[in-house]
Amino acid sequence: MKVHTEYLWFSCAKKKDLVHITPRLGEILSKSGIREGMMLVSAMHITAGIIVNDNESGLHEDIAAWLERLAPEDPSYAHHRTGEDNGDAHLKRILVHHQALLPITEGRLDLGPWETVHYAEFDGQRRKRVVVKVMGI
């Protein structure tokens, strides 16, 4: 089995953002030379996540609105008593998860017809990274 690891870095200008990363993942897969296996894509920060879904702007708006309803910006979070102001970002990350495991078949990401991968930022405006680990043969 071979393993190939790379990091993607993000500095989102907005506090909350959704960044389409599927093409970059395809480039990493090509460089790895792996034809069959799995790709782990994991946000390495506690206020960011990975979403696999349709790359459609209306859906992105719906996801943002849904997350805001479930984990709204609110100054009353207990986390804020520690001097932080991003309690909602931590909760949003729990809702979307921090990583995705993607199948690789015949040297390509084996995603469904409308599936794309996105980096989800919930407390941006500083540098963060994602680890991409390709494993297989």
C-alpha atoms as a PDB file:
ATOM      1  CA  MET A   1       0.000   0.000   0.000  1.00  0.00           C
ATOM      2  CA  LYS A   2       1.151   3.534  -0.801  1.00  0.00           C
ATOM      3  CA  VAL A   3       0.334   6.694   1.161  1.00  0.00           C
ATOM      4  CA  HIS A   4       0.560  10.269  -0.132  1.00  0.00           C
ATOM      5  CA  THR A   5      -0.082  13.319   2.096  1.00  0.00           C
ATOM      6  CA  GLU A   6      -0.561  16.973   1.147  1.00  0.00           C
ATOM      7  CA  TYR A   7      -2.001  20.029   2.876  1.00  0.00           C
ATOM      8  CA  LEU A   8      -4.364  22.649   1.537  1.00  0.00           C
ATOM      9  CA  TRP A   9      -4.193  26.091   3.148  1.00  0.00           C
ATOM     10  CA  PHE A  10      -7.085  28.535   3.347  1.00  0.00           C
ATOM     11  CA  SER A  11      -7.329  32.190   4.327  1.00  0.00           C
ATOM     12  CA  CYS A  12     -10.975  33.021   3.776  1.00  0.00           C
ATOM     13  CA  ALA A  13     -11.737  36.740   3.598  1.00  0.00           C
ATOM     14  CA  LYS A  14     -15.234  36.120   4.965  1.00  0.00           C
ATOM     15  CA  LYS A  15     -16.017  34.773   8.422  1.00  0.00           C
ATOM     16  CA  LYS A  16     -18.211  32.044   6.901  1.00  0.00           C
ATOM     17  CA  ASP A  17     -17.459  30.544   3.509  1.00  0.00           C
ATOM     18  CA  LEU A  18     -17.812  27.399   1.410  1.00  0.00           C
ATOM     19  CA  VAL A  19     -14.856  26.656  -0.901  1.00  0.00           C
ATOM     20  CA  HIS A  20     -15.157  24.090  -3.713  1.00  0.00           C
ATOM     21  CA  ILE A  21     -12.034  21.898  -3.500  1.00  0.00           C
ATOM     22  CA  THR A  22     -12.867  18.894  -5.732  1.00  0.00           C
ATOM     23  CA  PRO A  23     -10.509  19.954  -8.560  1.00  0.00           C
ATOM     24  CA  ARG A  24      -7.616  20.399  -6.112  1.00  0.00           C
ATOM     25  CA  LEU A  25      -8.310  16.949  -4.652  1.00  0.00           C
ATOM     26  CA  GLY A  26      -8.205  15.488  -8.167  1.00  0.00           C
ATOM     27  CA  GLU A  27      -4.781  17.066  -8.712  1.00  0.00           C
ATOM     28  CA  ILE A  28      -3.500  15.575  -5.452  1.00  0.00           C
ATOM     29  CA  LEU A  29      -4.863  12.164  -6.431  1.00  0.00           C
ATOM     30  CA  SER A  30      -3.110  12.361  -9.817  1.00  0.00           C
ATOM     31  CA  LYS A  31       0.211  13.237  -8.160  1.00  0.00           C
ATOM     32  CA  SER A  32      -0.158  10.318  -5.731  1.00  0.00           C
ATOM     33  CA  GLY A  33      -0.240   7.703  -8.490  1.00  0.00           C
ATOM     34  CA  ILE A  34      -2.778   5.704  -6.478  1.00  0.00           C
ATOM     35  CA  ARG A  35      -5.405   3.905  -8.593  1.00  0.00           C
ATOM     36  CA  GLU A  36      -7.497   2.087  -5.970  1.00  0.00           C
ATOM     37  CA  GLY A  37      -8.051   3.126  -2.375  1.00  0.00           C
ATOM     38  CA  MET A  38      -9.351   5.985  -0.249  1.00  0.00           C
ATOM     39  CA  MET A  39      -8.749   9.680   0.209  1.00  0.00           C
ATOM     40  CA  LEU A  40      -9.177  11.218   3.641  1.00  0.00           C
ATOM     41  CA  VAL A  41      -9.939  14.954   3.594  1.00  0.00           C
ATOM     42  CA  SER A  42      -9.855  16.433   7.089  1.00  0.00           C
ATOM     43  CA  ALA A  43     -10.160  20.031   8.287  1.00  0.00           C
ATOM     44  CA  MET A  44      -7.466  20.569  10.894  1.00  0.00           C
ATOM     45  CA  HIS A  45      -9.186  23.336  12.786  1.00  0.00           C
ATOM     46  CA  ILE A  46     -12.027  23.225  15.311  1.00  0.00           C
ATOM     47  CA  THR A  47     -14.157  25.807  13.494  1.00  0.00           C
ATOM     48  CA  ALA A  48     -14.033  24.339   9.963  1.00  0.00           C
ATOM     49  CA  GLY A  49     -15.396  21.237   8.287  1.00  0.00           C
ATOM     50  CA  ILE A  50     -15.707  19.242   5.072  1.00  0.00           C
ATOM     51  CA  ILE A  51     -19.000  18.931   3.174  1.00  0.00           C
ATOM     52  CA  VAL A  52     -19.736  16.529   0.303  1.00  0.00           C
ATOM     53  CA  ASN A  53     -22.770  17.724  -1.638  1.00  0.00           C
ATOM     54  CA  ASP A  54     -23.937  19.456  -4.808  1.00  0.00           C
ATOM     55  CA  ASN A  55     -21.978  22.511  -5.998  1.00  0.00           C
ATOM     56  CA  GLU A  56     -25.109  24.629  -6.441  1.00  0.00           C
ATOM     57  CA  SER A  57     -25.372  28.166  -5.074  1.00  0.00           C
ATOM     58  CA  GLY A  58     -29.000  27.868  -3.899  1.00  0.00           C
ATOM     59  CA  LEU A  59     -28.124  24.751  -1.909  1.00  0.00           C
ATOM     60  CA  HIS A  60     -25.111  26.545  -0.427  1.00  0.00           C
ATOM     61  CA  GLU A  61     -27.432  29.341   0.743  1.00  0.00           C
ATOM     62  CA  ASP A  62     -29.798  26.740   2.220  1.00  0.00           C
ATOM     63  CA  ILE A  63     -26.948  25.002   4.066  1.00  0.00           C
ATOM     64  CA  ALA A  64     -25.753  28.322   5.521  1.00  0.00           C
ATOM     65  CA  ALA A  65     -29.297  29.262   6.614  1.00  0.00           C
ATOM     66  CA  TRP A  66     -29.930  25.808   8.132  1.00  0.00           C
ATOM     67  CA  LEU A  67     -26.663  25.912  10.089  1.00  0.00           C
ATOM     68  CA  GLU A  68     -27.462  29.425  11.318  1.00  0.00           C
ATOM     69  CA  ARG A  69     -30.877  28.236  12.568  1.00  0.00           C
ATOM     70  CA  LEU A  70     -29.355  25.259  14.391  1.00  0.00           C
ATOM     71  CA  ALA A  71     -26.274  27.073  15.752  1.00  0.00           C
ATOM     72  CA  PRO A  72     -26.936  30.819  15.571  1.00  0.00           C
ATOM     73  CA  GLU A  73     -24.414  33.510  16.390  1.00  0.00           C
ATOM     74  CA  ASP A  74     -25.313  34.210  20.021  1.00  0.00           C
ATOM     75  CA  PRO A  75     -23.320  36.064  22.694  1.00  0.00           C
ATOM     76  CA  SER A  76     -24.774  33.858  25.463  1.00  0.00           C
ATOM     77  CA  TYR A  77     -22.733  30.703  24.682  1.00  0.00           C
ATOM     78  CA  ALA A  78     -20.799  29.475  27.720  1.00  0.00           C
ATOM     79  CA  HIS A  79     -17.719  29.263  25.473  1.00  0.00           C
ATOM     80  CA  HIS A  80     -17.760  33.054  25.248  1.00  0.00           C
ATOM     81  CA  ARG A  81     -17.121  33.347  28.985  1.00  0.00           C
ATOM     82  CA  THR A  82     -13.568  32.145  28.221  1.00  0.00           C
ATOM     83  CA  GLY A  83     -12.935  35.259  26.142  1.00  0.00           C
ATOM     84  CA  GLU A  84     -13.843  33.689  22.794  1.00  0.00           C
ATOM     85  CA  ASP A  85     -16.644  34.834  20.493  1.00  0.00           C
ATOM     86  CA  ASN A  86     -16.999  31.872  18.125  1.00  0.00           C
ATOM     87  CA  GLY A  87     -19.177  29.348  19.970  1.00  0.00           C
ATOM     88  CA  ASP A  88     -21.479  29.033  16.982  1.00  0.00           C
ATOM     89  CA  ALA A  89     -18.539  28.114  14.707  1.00  0.00           C
ATOM     90  CA  HIS A  90     -17.632  25.144  16.921  1.00  0.00           C
ATOM     91  CA  LEU A  91     -21.227  23.906  16.876  1.00  0.00           C
ATOM     92  CA  LYS A  92     -21.555  24.301  13.101  1.00  0.00           C
ATOM     93  CA  ARG A  93     -18.415  22.206  12.657  1.00  0.00           C
ATOM     94  CA  ILE A  94     -19.999  19.405  14.699  1.00  0.00           C
ATOM     95  CA  LEU A  95     -23.079  19.502  12.458  1.00  0.00           C
ATOM     96  CA  VAL A  96     -21.157  19.157   9.169  1.00  0.00           C
ATOM     97  CA  HIS A  97     -18.289  17.006  10.524  1.00  0.00           C
ATOM     98  CA  HIS A  98     -14.607  17.636  10.178  1.00  0.00           C
ATOM     99  CA  GLN A  99     -13.681  15.094   7.522  1.00  0.00           C
ATOM    100  CA  ALA A 100     -14.784  12.910   4.647  1.00  0.00           C
ATOM    101  CA  LEU A 101     -13.478   9.586   3.378  1.00  0.00           C
ATOM    102  CA  LEU A 102     -13.724   9.378  -0.422  1.00  0.00           C
ATOM    103  CA  PRO A 103     -13.376   6.237  -2.556  1.00  0.00           C
ATOM    104  CA  ILE A 104     -10.806   6.022  -5.353  1.00  0.00           C
ATOM    105  CA  THR A 105     -11.546   3.747  -8.316  1.00  0.00           C
ATOM    106  CA  GLU A 106      -9.413   3.426 -11.444  1.00  0.00           C
ATOM    107  CA  GLY A 107      -7.367   6.489 -10.495  1.00  0.00           C
ATOM    108  CA  ARG A 108     -10.255   8.910  -9.966  1.00  0.00           C
ATOM    109  CA  LEU A 109     -12.459  10.045  -7.115  1.00  0.00           C
ATOM    110  CA  ASP A 110     -15.486   7.779  -7.236  1.00  0.00           C
ATOM    111  CA  LEU A 111     -18.128  10.371  -6.371  1.00  0.00           C
ATOM    112  CA  GLY A 112     -21.821  10.333  -7.221  1.00  0.00           C
ATOM    113  CA  PRO A 113     -23.035  12.280 -10.269  1.00  0.00           C
ATOM    114  CA  TRP A 114     -23.600  15.544  -8.368  1.00  0.00           C
ATOM    115  CA  GLU A 115     -21.194  15.085  -5.452  1.00  0.00           C
ATOM    116  CA  THR A 116     -18.466  17.665  -4.941  1.00  0.00           C
ATOM    117  CA  VAL A 117     -16.244  18.392  -1.945  1.00  0.00           C
ATOM    118  CA  HIS A 118     -16.155  21.701  -0.085  1.00  0.00           C
ATOM    119  CA  TYR A 119     -14.108  23.239   2.693  1.00  0.00           C
ATOM    120  CA  ALA A 120     -16.580  24.833   5.121  1.00  0.00           C
ATOM    121  CA  GLU A 121     -15.263  27.819   7.056  1.00  0.00           C
ATOM    122  CA  PHE A 122     -17.210  29.052  10.088  1.00  0.00           C
ATOM    123  CA  ASP A 123     -14.723  31.427  11.746  1.00  0.00           C
ATOM    124  CA  GLY A 124     -12.512  32.714   8.948  1.00  0.00           C
ATOM    125  CA  GLN A 125     -10.159  35.588   8.418  1.00  0.00           C
ATOM    126  CA  ARG A 126      -7.088  33.649   9.501  1.00  0.00           C
ATOM    127  CA  ARG A 127      -4.967  30.884   7.963  1.00  0.00           C
ATOM    128  CA  LYS A 128      -6.183  27.288   8.352  1.00  0.00           C
ATOM    129  CA  ARG A 129      -5.339  23.959   6.744  1.00  0.00           C
ATOM    130  CA  VAL A 130      -6.816  20.695   5.546  1.00  0.00           C
ATOM    131  CA  VAL A 131      -4.883  17.431   5.426  1.00  0.00           C
ATOM    132  CA  VAL A 132      -5.422  15.231   2.365  1.00  0.00           C
ATOM    133  CA  LYS A 133      -4.186  11.670   2.792  1.00  0.00           C
ATOM    134  CA  VAL A 134      -4.421   9.309  -0.178  1.00  0.00           C
ATOM    135  CA  MET A 135      -4.054   5.616   0.653  1.00  0.00           C
ATOM    136  CA  GLY A 136      -4.125   2.614  -1.635  1.00  0.00           C
ATOM    137  CA  ILE A 137      -2.440   0.840  -4.483  1.00  0.00           C
END
